[in-house]
Protein backbone atom coordinates (compact mmCIF):
# COMPACT_ATOMS: atom_id res chain seq x y z
CA UNK A 1 76.01 28.83 16.13
CA UNK A 2 78.46 29.37 18.96
CA UNK A 3 80.99 32.12 18.54
CA UNK A 4 79.18 33.77 15.63
CA UNK A 5 80.28 37.39 15.17
CA UNK A 6 77.97 40.06 13.83
CA UNK A 7 80.95 41.50 11.90
CA UNK A 8 80.09 39.04 9.16
CA UNK A 9 76.74 37.28 8.86
CA UNK A 10 75.59 35.91 5.53
CA UNK A 11 72.05 35.15 4.47
CA UNK A 12 72.80 31.43 4.56
CA UNK A 13 73.94 31.84 8.20
CA UNK A 14 70.63 33.51 8.95
CA UNK A 15 68.51 30.84 7.32
CA UNK A 16 70.10 28.14 9.48
CA UNK A 17 70.37 30.09 12.77
CA UNK A 18 67.56 32.63 12.68
CA UNK A 19 66.42 32.35 16.31
CA UNK A 20 69.88 32.79 17.82
CA UNK A 21 70.89 35.65 15.58
CA UNK A 22 67.61 37.49 16.08
CA UNK A 23 68.16 37.32 19.83
CA UNK A 24 71.40 39.26 19.32
CA UNK A 25 69.79 41.77 16.98
CA UNK A 26 66.94 42.45 19.42
CA UNK A 27 69.54 44.31 21.48
CA UNK A 28 70.27 47.55 19.54
CA UNK A 29 73.61 47.88 21.33
CA UNK A 30 74.83 45.05 19.10
CA UNK A 31 74.01 46.98 15.94
CA UNK A 32 77.27 48.91 16.16
CA UNK A 33 79.15 45.66 15.52
CA UNK A 34 77.62 45.37 12.05
CA UNK A 35 79.38 47.00 9.06
CA UNK A 36 77.67 50.25 8.10
CA UNK A 37 76.96 51.22 4.49
CA UNK A 38 77.31 54.82 5.63
CA UNK A 39 80.99 54.25 6.46
CA UNK A 40 82.20 51.74 3.86
CA UNK A 41 82.10 51.36 0.10
CA UNK A 42 80.15 48.58 -1.60
CA UNK A 43 83.36 46.76 -2.47
CA UNK A 44 84.10 46.44 1.27
CA UNK A 45 81.03 44.28 1.90
CA UNK A 46 79.83 41.07 0.28
CA UNK A 47 76.61 40.27 -1.50
CA UNK A 48 74.02 38.92 0.98
CA UNK A 49 76.02 40.19 3.96
CA UNK A 50 74.31 41.67 7.02
CA UNK A 51 74.84 45.46 7.03
CA UNK A 52 73.69 48.60 8.82
CA UNK A 53 72.31 51.78 7.18
CA UNK A 54 71.09 55.14 8.47
CA UNK A 55 69.07 57.10 5.93
CA UNK A 56 66.04 59.22 5.10
CA UNK A 57 63.03 57.89 3.23
CA UNK A 58 63.17 59.85 -0.05
CA UNK A 59 60.43 57.92 -1.88
CA UNK A 60 57.88 55.23 -1.05
CA UNK A 61 56.97 52.76 -3.79
CA UNK A 62 53.85 50.66 -4.12
CA UNK A 63 53.96 47.28 -2.33
CA UNK A 64 55.49 44.53 -4.47
CA UNK A 65 54.84 40.79 -4.63
CA UNK A 66 57.52 38.26 -3.83
CA UNK A 67 57.67 34.49 -3.33
CA UNK A 68 58.29 33.80 0.33
CA UNK A 69 58.55 30.10 -0.47
CA UNK A 70 58.72 28.42 -3.87
CA UNK A 71 59.46 25.12 -5.55
CA UNK A 72 62.00 24.48 -8.31
CA UNK A 73 62.40 21.39 -10.48
CA UNK A 74 65.52 19.99 -12.18
CA UNK A 75 64.90 19.66 -15.89
CA UNK A 76 66.91 16.41 -16.25
CA UNK A 77 66.31 14.47 -13.05
CA UNK A 78 62.84 15.95 -12.33
CA UNK A 79 63.88 16.25 -8.68
CA UNK A 80 62.22 19.15 -6.85
CA UNK A 81 63.29 21.38 -3.99
CA UNK A 82 61.53 24.02 -1.90
CA UNK A 83 63.47 27.22 -1.23
CA UNK A 84 62.99 30.40 0.76
CA UNK A 85 62.55 33.65 -1.14
CA UNK A 86 62.44 36.08 1.76
CA UNK A 87 65.38 38.52 1.79
CA UNK A 88 66.21 37.71 -1.87
CA UNK A 89 65.59 39.96 -4.87
CA UNK A 90 64.20 37.18 -7.09
CA UNK A 91 63.77 33.39 -6.89
CA UNK A 92 66.97 31.36 -7.36
CA UNK A 93 67.17 28.69 -10.04
CA UNK A 94 70.18 26.58 -11.00
CA UNK A 95 71.36 26.09 -14.63
CA UNK A 96 68.99 23.17 -15.26
CA UNK A 97 66.19 24.23 -12.94
CA UNK A 98 62.84 25.89 -13.52
CA UNK A 99 60.34 27.49 -11.20
CA UNK A 100 57.24 25.37 -10.62
CA UNK A 101 54.74 28.19 -10.95
CA UNK A 102 51.66 26.17 -9.97
CA UNK A 103 53.23 24.39 -6.99
CA UNK A 104 51.17 24.10 -3.82
CA UNK A 105 54.35 24.98 -1.94
CA UNK A 106 54.54 28.45 -3.49
CA UNK A 107 53.62 31.23 -1.04
CA UNK A 108 53.06 34.80 -2.31
CA UNK A 109 53.59 37.71 0.07
CA UNK A 110 53.89 41.49 -0.14
CA UNK A 111 56.78 43.68 0.92
CA UNK A 112 57.14 47.44 1.08
CA UNK A 113 59.88 49.15 -0.92
CA UNK A 114 61.48 52.39 0.27
CA UNK A 115 64.02 54.50 -1.55
CA UNK A 116 66.39 55.69 1.18
CA UNK A 117 69.24 58.17 0.88
CA UNK A 118 71.98 59.35 3.20
CA UNK A 119 70.47 61.82 5.68
CA UNK A 120 70.58 65.21 3.90
CA UNK A 121 72.52 68.05 5.57
CA UNK A 122 74.02 65.75 8.22
CA UNK A 123 77.09 67.61 9.44
CA UNK A 124 80.48 65.94 9.31
CA UNK A 125 80.93 65.64 13.08
CA UNK A 126 77.66 63.67 13.32
CA UNK A 127 78.84 61.11 10.75
CA UNK A 128 80.85 59.19 13.30
CA UNK A 129 81.56 55.60 12.21
CA UNK A 130 79.76 52.89 14.13
CA UNK A 131 83.08 51.41 15.23
CA UNK A 132 83.00 48.28 13.11
CA UNK A 133 86.13 46.35 12.35
CA UNK A 134 86.41 47.18 8.67
CA UNK A 135 89.48 45.00 8.15
CA UNK A 136 87.57 42.02 9.38
CA UNK A 137 84.45 42.74 7.35
CA UNK A 138 86.51 43.32 4.22
CA UNK A 139 88.49 40.15 4.69
CA UNK A 140 85.28 38.21 5.14
CA UNK A 141 84.32 38.86 1.54
CA UNK A 142 86.68 36.10 0.47
CA UNK A 143 84.87 33.68 2.79
CA UNK A 144 81.71 33.89 0.70
CA UNK A 145 82.14 31.79 -2.46
CA UNK A 146 80.88 33.05 -5.76
CA UNK A 147 77.58 31.41 -6.54
CA UNK A 148 78.89 30.43 -9.97
CA UNK A 149 81.69 28.42 -8.31
CA UNK A 150 79.10 26.53 -6.28
CA UNK A 151 77.09 25.65 -9.34
CA UNK A 152 74.47 28.37 -8.84
CA UNK A 153 74.75 30.75 -11.76
CA UNK A 154 73.37 34.25 -11.77
CA UNK A 155 69.62 34.26 -11.61
CA UNK A 156 67.94 34.53 -14.96
CA UNK A 157 65.56 37.43 -15.43
CA UNK A 158 63.09 34.96 -16.90
CA UNK A 159 62.50 33.58 -13.42
CA UNK A 160 60.26 36.52 -12.77
CA UNK A 161 58.17 35.57 -15.78
CA UNK A 162 57.10 32.44 -13.92
CA UNK A 163 55.08 34.71 -11.64
CA UNK A 164 51.45 35.01 -12.87
CA UNK A 165 51.72 38.80 -13.03
CA UNK A 166 55.38 39.68 -13.65
CA UNK A 167 54.64 43.37 -14.13
CA UNK A 168 53.59 43.57 -10.45
CA UNK A 169 56.88 42.11 -9.24
CA UNK A 170 59.52 44.77 -8.63
CA UNK A 171 58.67 46.72 -11.81
CA UNK A 172 58.12 49.93 -9.88
CA UNK A 173 61.59 49.76 -8.41
CA UNK A 174 63.26 49.11 -11.73
CA UNK A 175 61.59 52.08 -13.34
CA UNK A 176 62.38 54.32 -10.40
CA UNK A 177 66.05 53.37 -10.64
CA UNK A 178 66.42 54.60 -14.21
CA UNK A 179 68.11 57.86 -15.17
CA UNK A 180 70.68 57.70 -12.40
CA UNK A 181 68.58 57.29 -9.27
CA UNK A 182 71.64 57.76 -7.08
CA UNK A 183 71.92 61.42 -8.11
CA UNK A 184 68.33 62.11 -7.01
CA UNK A 185 69.26 63.84 -3.76
CA UNK A 186 68.04 67.08 -2.12
CA UNK A 187 71.64 68.08 -1.38
CA UNK A 188 74.06 66.09 -3.60
CA UNK A 189 77.45 65.28 -2.15
CA UNK A 190 80.37 62.93 -2.76
CA UNK A 191 79.51 60.78 0.27
CA UNK A 192 75.75 60.58 -0.36
CA UNK A 193 74.39 57.09 -0.91
CA UNK A 194 71.13 55.55 -2.07
CA UNK A 195 69.64 52.13 -1.43
CA UNK A 196 66.28 50.43 -1.84
CA UNK A 197 65.05 49.07 1.49
CA UNK A 198 62.70 46.08 1.34
CA UNK A 199 60.47 46.02 4.43
CA UNK A 200 58.83 42.72 5.41
CA UNK A 201 57.56 43.31 8.94
CA UNK A 202 57.19 46.72 10.52
CA UNK A 203 54.94 47.89 13.33
CA UNK A 204 55.88 51.58 13.04
CA UNK A 205 54.04 53.90 10.68
CA UNK A 206 56.56 55.22 8.19
CA UNK A 207 56.27 58.49 6.30
CA UNK A 208 58.21 60.29 3.63
CA UNK A 209 61.31 62.05 5.04
CA UNK A 210 61.46 59.90 8.18
CA UNK A 211 64.98 59.00 9.27
CA UNK A 212 65.31 55.26 9.78
CA UNK A 213 68.01 52.89 10.94
CA UNK A 214 68.02 49.54 9.17
CA UNK A 215 69.71 46.21 9.72
CA UNK A 216 69.39 43.92 6.74
CA UNK A 217 70.96 41.78 4.05
CA UNK A 218 72.66 43.63 1.23
CA UNK A 219 71.93 42.65 -2.35
CA UNK A 220 74.26 44.15 -4.92
CA UNK A 221 74.05 41.44 -7.58
CA UNK A 222 74.79 43.20 -10.89
CA UNK A 223 72.56 40.75 -12.78
CA UNK A 224 69.59 42.80 -11.55
CA UNK A 225 70.76 45.65 -13.78
CA UNK A 226 69.53 43.88 -16.91
CA UNK A 227 66.06 42.82 -15.87
CA UNK A 228 63.90 45.66 -17.17
CA UNK A 229 61.94 44.42 -20.20
CA UNK A 230 59.56 46.71 -22.02
CA UNK A 231 57.56 46.83 -25.23
CA UNK A 232 57.15 49.62 -27.75
CA UNK A 233 55.64 50.08 -31.17
CA UNK A 234 57.94 50.42 -34.17
CA UNK A 235 57.25 52.56 -37.24
CA UNK A 236 55.18 49.75 -38.83
CA UNK A 237 52.99 49.35 -35.79
CA UNK A 238 54.58 46.07 -34.70
CA UNK A 239 55.38 45.38 -31.03
CA UNK A 240 59.11 45.15 -30.31
CA UNK A 241 60.62 43.74 -27.12
CA UNK A 242 63.59 45.51 -25.58
CA UNK A 243 65.85 44.98 -22.62
CA UNK A 244 66.76 48.23 -20.89
CA UNK A 245 69.96 48.65 -18.89
CA UNK A 246 68.78 49.84 -15.47
CA UNK A 247 71.43 50.79 -12.87
CA UNK A 248 69.73 49.61 -9.70
CA UNK A 249 71.19 50.89 -6.44
CA UNK A 250 71.97 48.29 -3.79
CA UNK A 251 68.97 46.62 -2.16
CA UNK A 252 68.72 46.17 1.59
CA UNK A 253 66.33 43.46 2.83
CA UNK A 254 65.40 44.62 6.32
CA UNK A 255 65.51 42.37 9.38
CA UNK A 256 65.26 45.14 11.98
CA UNK A 257 64.33 48.78 11.64
CA UNK A 258 63.57 51.75 13.85
CA UNK A 259 62.70 55.41 13.32
CA UNK A 260 65.26 57.85 14.64
CA UNK A 261 64.18 60.87 16.67
CA UNK A 262 67.56 62.47 16.13
CA UNK A 263 70.95 61.77 14.53
CA UNK A 264 73.25 62.97 17.30
CA UNK A 265 75.74 60.15 18.02
CA UNK A 266 76.44 61.67 21.46
CA UNK A 267 72.85 61.19 22.66
CA UNK A 268 71.10 57.88 23.25
CA UNK A 269 68.35 57.06 20.76
CA UNK A 270 65.74 56.77 23.54
CA UNK A 271 67.13 59.77 25.51
CA UNK A 272 68.24 57.60 28.41
CA UNK A 273 70.71 59.05 30.90
CA UNK A 274 69.95 62.69 30.06
CA UNK A 275 69.51 63.66 33.72
CA UNK A 276 73.12 64.84 33.93
CA UNK A 277 72.59 67.27 31.06
CA UNK A 278 69.45 68.64 32.74
CA UNK A 279 71.49 69.37 35.84
CA UNK A 280 74.15 71.15 33.79
CA UNK A 281 71.69 72.96 31.52
CA UNK A 282 72.12 76.46 32.91
CA UNK A 283 75.91 76.21 32.94
CA UNK A 284 76.06 74.88 29.39
CA UNK A 285 73.55 77.52 28.29
CA UNK A 286 75.87 80.21 29.66
CA UNK A 287 78.75 78.73 27.65
CA UNK A 288 76.60 78.67 24.51
CA UNK A 289 75.44 82.24 25.14
CA UNK A 290 79.07 83.33 25.44
CA UNK A 291 79.94 81.75 22.07
CA UNK A 292 76.93 83.19 20.25
CA UNK A 293 77.15 86.66 21.76
CA UNK A 294 80.81 86.82 20.71
CA UNK A 295 79.94 85.71 17.16
CA UNK A 296 77.15 88.32 17.15
CA UNK A 297 79.76 90.91 18.15
CA UNK A 298 78.47 91.65 21.63
CA UNK A 299 74.71 91.45 21.00
CA UNK A 300 73.47 89.51 24.05
CA UNK A 301 69.75 89.88 23.26
CA UNK A 302 70.23 88.39 19.80
CA UNK A 303 72.21 85.53 21.37
CA UNK A 304 69.29 84.79 23.72
CA UNK A 305 66.87 84.63 20.79
CA UNK A 306 69.26 82.51 18.74
CA UNK A 307 69.51 79.94 21.54
CA UNK A 308 65.71 79.70 21.63
CA UNK A 309 65.65 79.28 17.86
CA UNK A 310 68.26 76.50 17.91
CA UNK A 311 66.21 74.34 20.30
CA UNK A 312 62.82 75.07 18.74
CA UNK A 313 60.73 72.23 17.34
CA UNK A 314 57.15 71.71 16.17
CA UNK A 315 55.43 69.79 18.97
CA UNK A 316 51.80 70.01 17.82
CA UNK A 317 49.69 71.14 14.88
CA UNK A 318 46.40 73.04 15.09
CA UNK A 319 44.62 73.95 11.87
CA UNK A 320 47.13 76.14 10.00
CA UNK A 321 49.45 76.58 12.98
CA UNK A 322 52.61 74.60 13.59
CA UNK A 323 52.88 75.03 17.35
CA UNK A 324 56.43 75.39 18.62
CA UNK A 325 58.09 76.73 15.47
CA UNK A 326 60.29 79.77 16.02
CA UNK A 327 61.71 81.11 12.76
CA UNK A 328 64.18 83.91 13.34
CA UNK A 329 65.31 86.84 11.19
CA UNK A 330 68.56 88.50 12.27
CA UNK A 331 68.61 91.80 10.41
CA UNK A 332 71.36 94.41 10.29
CA UNK A 333 73.90 91.75 9.26
CA UNK A 334 77.33 92.82 8.06
CA UNK A 335 77.76 92.28 4.34
CA UNK A 336 81.58 92.30 4.33
CA UNK A 337 84.35 89.87 5.29
CA UNK A 338 82.09 86.85 4.80
CA UNK A 339 80.43 87.49 8.16
CA UNK A 340 77.37 85.33 7.43
CA UNK A 341 79.56 82.34 6.60
CA UNK A 342 81.66 82.85 9.73
CA UNK A 343 78.49 82.74 11.83
CA UNK A 344 77.21 79.65 10.02
CA UNK A 345 80.58 77.89 10.42
CA UNK A 346 80.04 78.00 14.19
CA UNK A 347 76.44 76.80 13.96
CA UNK A 348 77.57 73.95 11.71
CA UNK A 349 79.90 72.71 14.45
CA UNK A 350 77.05 72.65 16.98
CA UNK A 351 74.02 71.42 15.03
CA UNK A 352 73.49 67.83 13.94
CA UNK A 353 71.86 68.74 10.60
CA UNK A 354 72.09 72.11 8.88
CA UNK A 355 72.35 73.69 5.44
CA UNK A 356 73.52 77.15 4.39
CA UNK A 357 71.73 78.59 1.34
CA UNK A 358 72.85 81.91 -0.18
CA UNK A 359 69.73 83.54 -1.65
CA UNK A 360 71.33 84.68 -4.89
CA UNK A 361 69.24 85.31 -7.98
CA UNK A 362 70.98 82.38 -9.63
CA UNK A 363 70.08 80.00 -6.80
CA UNK A 364 66.48 81.18 -6.74
CA UNK A 365 65.93 81.13 -10.50
CA UNK A 366 67.78 77.91 -11.27
CA UNK A 367 67.30 75.92 -8.07
CA UNK A 368 64.83 73.08 -7.59
CA UNK A 369 63.26 73.57 -4.17
CA UNK A 370 60.06 71.54 -4.49
CA UNK A 371 60.06 67.74 -5.03
CA UNK A 372 57.99 66.64 -8.02
CA UNK A 373 56.61 63.35 -9.28
CA UNK A 374 58.05 61.92 -12.49
CA UNK A 375 55.31 59.66 -13.83
CA UNK A 376 57.40 58.38 -16.75
CA UNK A 377 60.01 56.93 -14.39
CA UNK A 378 57.51 56.47 -11.57
CA UNK A 379 59.65 58.14 -8.96
CA UNK A 380 59.75 61.26 -6.82
CA UNK A 381 62.37 63.76 -7.97
CA UNK A 382 63.86 65.39 -4.92
CA UNK A 383 64.07 69.11 -4.19
CA UNK A 384 66.16 71.17 -1.81
CA UNK A 385 63.31 71.45 0.68
CA UNK A 386 62.90 67.67 1.03
CA UNK A 387 64.55 67.56 4.43
CA UNK A 388 64.07 65.47 7.56
CA UNK A 389 62.78 66.93 10.83
CA UNK A 390 65.12 69.20 12.78
CA UNK A 391 67.28 70.09 9.79
CA UNK A 392 68.25 73.73 10.33
CA UNK A 393 68.06 75.88 7.21
CA UNK A 394 70.11 79.09 7.22
CA UNK A 395 69.16 81.54 4.47
CA UNK A 396 71.68 84.25 3.62
CA UNK A 397 69.74 87.17 2.18
CA UNK A 398 72.73 89.53 2.29
CA UNK A 399 73.94 88.24 -1.08
CA UNK A 400 70.64 88.99 -2.85
CA UNK A 401 71.27 91.65 -5.48
CA UNK A 402 68.99 93.62 -7.73
CA UNK A 403 67.59 91.69 -10.64
CA UNK A 404 64.52 89.91 -11.89
CA UNK A 405 63.08 86.67 -10.56
CA UNK A 406 61.72 84.37 -13.22
CA UNK A 407 58.67 82.17 -12.68
CA UNK A 408 60.77 79.45 -11.05
CA UNK A 409 62.36 82.00 -8.71
CA UNK A 410 58.95 83.34 -7.68
CA UNK A 411 57.77 79.77 -7.09
CA UNK A 412 60.85 79.05 -4.93
CA UNK A 413 60.34 82.21 -2.86
CA UNK A 414 56.72 81.19 -2.28
CA UNK A 415 57.85 77.72 -1.20
CA UNK A 416 60.30 79.22 1.32
CA UNK A 417 57.52 81.47 2.65
CA UNK A 418 55.17 78.52 3.17
CA UNK A 419 57.93 76.54 4.88
CA UNK A 420 58.72 79.41 7.25
CA UNK A 421 55.17 80.48 8.10
CA UNK A 422 53.33 77.15 8.08
CA UNK A 423 56.07 74.50 8.24
CA UNK A 424 54.81 72.73 5.13
CA UNK A 425 56.00 72.00 1.60
CA UNK A 426 53.56 71.37 -1.25
CA UNK A 427 55.03 68.59 -3.41
CA UNK A 428 54.30 68.82 -7.14
CA UNK A 429 52.41 65.77 -8.43
CA UNK A 430 51.80 67.43 -11.83
CA UNK A 431 48.00 67.19 -11.72
CA UNK A 432 47.76 68.28 -8.08
CA UNK A 433 49.90 69.29 -5.11
CA UNK A 434 50.26 67.24 -1.94
CA UNK A 435 51.01 68.94 1.37
CA UNK A 436 53.79 67.50 3.54
CA UNK A 437 54.37 68.78 7.06
CA UNK A 438 57.89 69.76 8.02
CA UNK A 439 59.85 70.64 11.13
CA UNK A 440 62.69 72.70 9.68
CA UNK A 441 63.84 75.67 11.82
CA UNK A 442 64.68 78.55 9.46
CA UNK A 443 67.17 81.31 10.29
CA UNK A 444 67.23 84.27 7.87
CA UNK A 445 70.27 86.54 7.82
CA UNK A 446 69.56 89.88 6.16
CA UNK A 447 70.86 93.44 5.90
CA UNK A 448 67.42 95.03 6.31
CA UNK A 449 64.25 93.33 7.48
CA UNK A 450 63.86 90.17 5.44
CA UNK A 451 61.55 89.91 2.47
CA UNK A 452 60.58 86.50 3.82
CA UNK A 453 58.20 86.02 6.76
CA UNK A 454 59.46 85.13 10.24
CA UNK A 455 58.09 84.63 13.72
CA UNK A 456 60.62 87.03 15.19
CA UNK A 457 62.80 89.80 13.77
CA UNK A 458 65.78 90.89 15.86
CA UNK A 459 67.74 93.89 14.51
CA UNK A 460 71.37 93.40 15.50
CA UNK A 461 73.21 95.94 17.66
CA UNK A 462 76.95 95.37 17.53
CA UNK A 463 79.41 96.46 20.17
CA UNK A 464 81.80 99.07 18.76
CA UNK A 465 84.91 97.39 20.16
CA UNK A 466 83.80 93.97 18.89
CA UNK A 467 83.34 95.42 15.39
CA UNK A 468 86.96 96.55 15.37
CA UNK A 469 88.31 93.22 16.67
CA UNK A 470 85.99 90.74 14.96
CA UNK A 471 88.85 88.80 13.36
CA UNK A 472 90.44 88.18 16.76
CA UNK A 473 87.01 87.29 18.21
CA UNK A 474 86.40 84.64 15.53
CA UNK A 475 89.80 83.11 16.25
CA UNK A 476 89.13 83.10 19.99
CA UNK A 477 85.78 81.37 19.46
CA UNK A 478 87.54 78.75 17.34
CA UNK A 479 89.98 78.03 20.18
CA UNK A 480 87.13 77.90 22.71
CA UNK A 481 85.10 75.39 20.67
CA UNK A 482 87.23 72.35 21.42
CA UNK A 483 86.52 69.12 23.26
CA UNK A 484 85.05 68.63 25.80
CA UNK A 485 83.18 71.94 25.34
CA UNK A 486 81.94 70.97 21.87
CA UNK A 487 80.68 67.66 23.22
CA UNK A 488 78.60 69.41 25.89
CA UNK A 489 77.13 72.03 23.55
CA UNK A 490 76.14 69.46 20.91
CA UNK A 491 74.51 67.23 23.47
CA UNK A 492 72.77 70.19 25.10
CA UNK A 493 71.07 71.35 21.88
CA UNK A 494 69.71 67.88 21.10
CA UNK A 495 68.48 67.08 24.60
CA UNK A 496 66.86 70.46 25.21
CA UNK A 497 64.99 70.41 21.90
CA UNK A 498 63.35 67.06 22.74
CA UNK A 499 62.37 67.74 26.37
CA UNK A 500 58.77 67.34 27.45
CA UNK A 501 57.17 70.59 28.63
CA UNK A 502 54.09 71.60 30.60
CA UNK A 503 52.42 74.84 31.65
CA UNK A 504 51.52 74.81 35.37
CA UNK A 505 47.97 75.84 36.24
CA UNK A 506 49.15 78.25 38.93
CA UNK A 507 50.95 80.31 36.27
CA UNK A 508 47.97 80.61 33.95
CA UNK A 509 46.46 83.37 36.13
CA UNK A 510 49.81 85.21 36.23
CA UNK A 511 50.10 85.05 32.43
CA UNK A 512 46.52 86.25 31.98
CA UNK A 513 47.02 89.21 34.34
CA UNK A 514 50.32 90.17 32.71
CA UNK A 515 48.76 90.10 29.25
CA UNK A 516 45.84 92.30 30.36
CA UNK A 517 48.31 94.74 31.91
CA UNK A 518 50.37 94.68 28.68
CA UNK A 519 47.32 95.49 26.53
CA UNK A 520 46.41 98.41 28.77
CA UNK A 521 49.92 99.78 28.46
CA UNK A 522 50.20 99.45 24.69
CA UNK A 523 46.59 99.88 23.61
CA UNK A 524 45.27 97.87 20.71
CA UNK A 525 48.75 97.20 19.29
CA UNK A 526 49.07 94.04 21.42
CA UNK A 527 47.07 91.15 19.98
CA UNK A 528 46.40 87.49 20.62
CA UNK A 529 49.27 86.63 18.26
CA UNK A 530 51.61 88.51 20.61
CA UNK A 531 50.42 86.34 23.50
CA UNK A 532 50.98 83.23 21.39
CA UNK A 533 54.53 84.35 20.59
CA UNK A 534 55.19 85.08 24.26
CA UNK A 535 54.02 81.60 25.25
CA UNK A 536 56.26 79.99 22.60
CA UNK A 537 59.20 82.11 23.70
CA UNK A 538 58.58 81.33 27.39
CA UNK A 539 58.52 77.61 26.57
CA UNK A 540 61.87 77.86 24.80
CA UNK A 541 63.40 79.99 27.56
CA UNK A 542 62.32 77.36 30.11
CA UNK A 543 63.70 74.47 28.07
CA UNK A 544 66.97 76.30 27.48
CA UNK A 545 67.38 76.48 31.26
CA UNK A 546 66.60 72.79 31.71
CA UNK A 547 63.10 73.43 33.10
CA UNK A 548 60.37 71.08 31.91
CA UNK A 549 57.59 73.29 33.26
CA UNK A 550 57.30 77.06 33.06
CA UNK A 551 58.55 78.97 36.10
CA UNK A 552 57.66 82.55 37.01
CA UNK A 553 61.31 83.50 36.53
CA UNK A 554 61.40 82.14 32.96
CA UNK A 555 58.09 83.82 32.12
CA UNK A 556 59.37 87.19 33.33
CA UNK A 557 62.61 86.67 31.40
CA UNK A 558 60.65 86.00 28.19
CA UNK A 559 58.53 89.12 28.75
CA UNK A 560 61.67 91.18 29.30
CA UNK A 561 63.27 89.82 26.11
CA UNK A 562 60.20 90.70 24.06
CA UNK A 563 60.02 94.20 25.56
CA UNK A 564 63.66 94.85 24.63
CA UNK A 565 63.21 93.42 21.16
CA UNK A 566 60.10 95.48 20.37
CA UNK A 567 61.83 98.62 21.57
CA UNK A 568 64.79 97.82 19.32
CA UNK A 569 62.49 97.16 16.32
CA UNK A 570 60.69 100.47 16.83
CA UNK A 571 64.04 102.29 16.99
CA UNK A 572 65.18 100.49 13.86
CA UNK A 573 62.01 101.55 11.99
CA UNK A 574 62.40 105.20 13.02
CA UNK A 575 65.94 105.27 11.70
């Protein structure tokens, strides 16, 4: 198929040129040439067109049966034909054709069905289009004839009835689509999208809340909206058949798929060519420290801790511990002039995924934080805490006023506490709860010490001059955060948070001696948990400086930071 462009590939093109097209798709650099559902509307792409989608797995349905190959027969001429069913919603039959349900040519297979949504909390700068030629892809819609014009009418729902067990074929997906599936999002937004991804071959283990990138054929045939048949008893006890209108979201039949470690468009998926950033790490860290210390009104220690928090990630789990997490509570926040939102506005420009949540009584009492299973519709109802890994959650406690939490508010506070302390969310399956691990760095902004747990509390100490000129400082930071500086800072945070790290054996003795000396100086107030925190902090200090193994300098810097912080906390308590 010489000269074939990936801007427009139909399913019929694929079925006749599979080997050649797959060779192109095996190179992920070609994926950017394919129209992306994240960037276009459904009307801009054709039914059965090859498209691209980046999303989070919001729900995982039971495997469903489909006919990979099947035989149809013409009712008048009795002529038969064998067709392919892979990458199609249902078998295709013409106006005078029927499915030969007992044909030896029929091949039943299973496929996995995933409900995927736009990545929650993905910041606007990270939603860069994939660079497809939208004019070309839109114009190509007219190239694909309507199947009715070719003598292939819309598929009849009764085709599914030819399957020996029709209730096992796609019924889960139809039920899960009811009651406006597209609004079932952790963080609803005007640009959020939902699609059902049909997975045929996949070597990677997929889990709920994974971010995946999919190349597949789009199915948006509206005929599928009328295929949900169900029975119910009437008042006389007789069985009545009904057809329910089910608004199915678009289906995406996957050809290629990969899990995404991050969603930063500035950084290669496999972290290739990151050596330059490692070499610039200390310089870029200084620039980031300047920005954050200015936004924190001259508090350099708090800026150091905030940098460590921004690159923290869970790298291992041990019993109840999520090793690597570094939740941070900045206390002593200003409660006037929208200071918390000004600080978050800067973080939003730097982080790939983040969400700002004011902890008002209304949000706590009325919000849905925990996902729960709806058995009637056979779907998972999303909650605010259903987030993908490395989504930064910023909780503003300064807006919490006096009042009473109801039972839902208490439940939501408990869920936030479990997320912060153990990096887990217990999903509600009505009859039981199911624990899901998370990797969501949480930053709590509070006036006094937070009511929520945290790994580290840093009371803020503002510079007097900065307090008087904070408006000018915010404007100056806005002017400073322009390209190419923004580009470097965004890339820095992603690369540093995913670096490999090791603890050299020659430093283990130094750490042990320092900890013994620390215990002697402070008595019994220094515990093993303090050593654990120091090791986590030292790891983050090293990574922030572009070091993939702990150096003596970074260890001493971490010890100094903790000494200053503890002194500040003790002063804060006395006052």
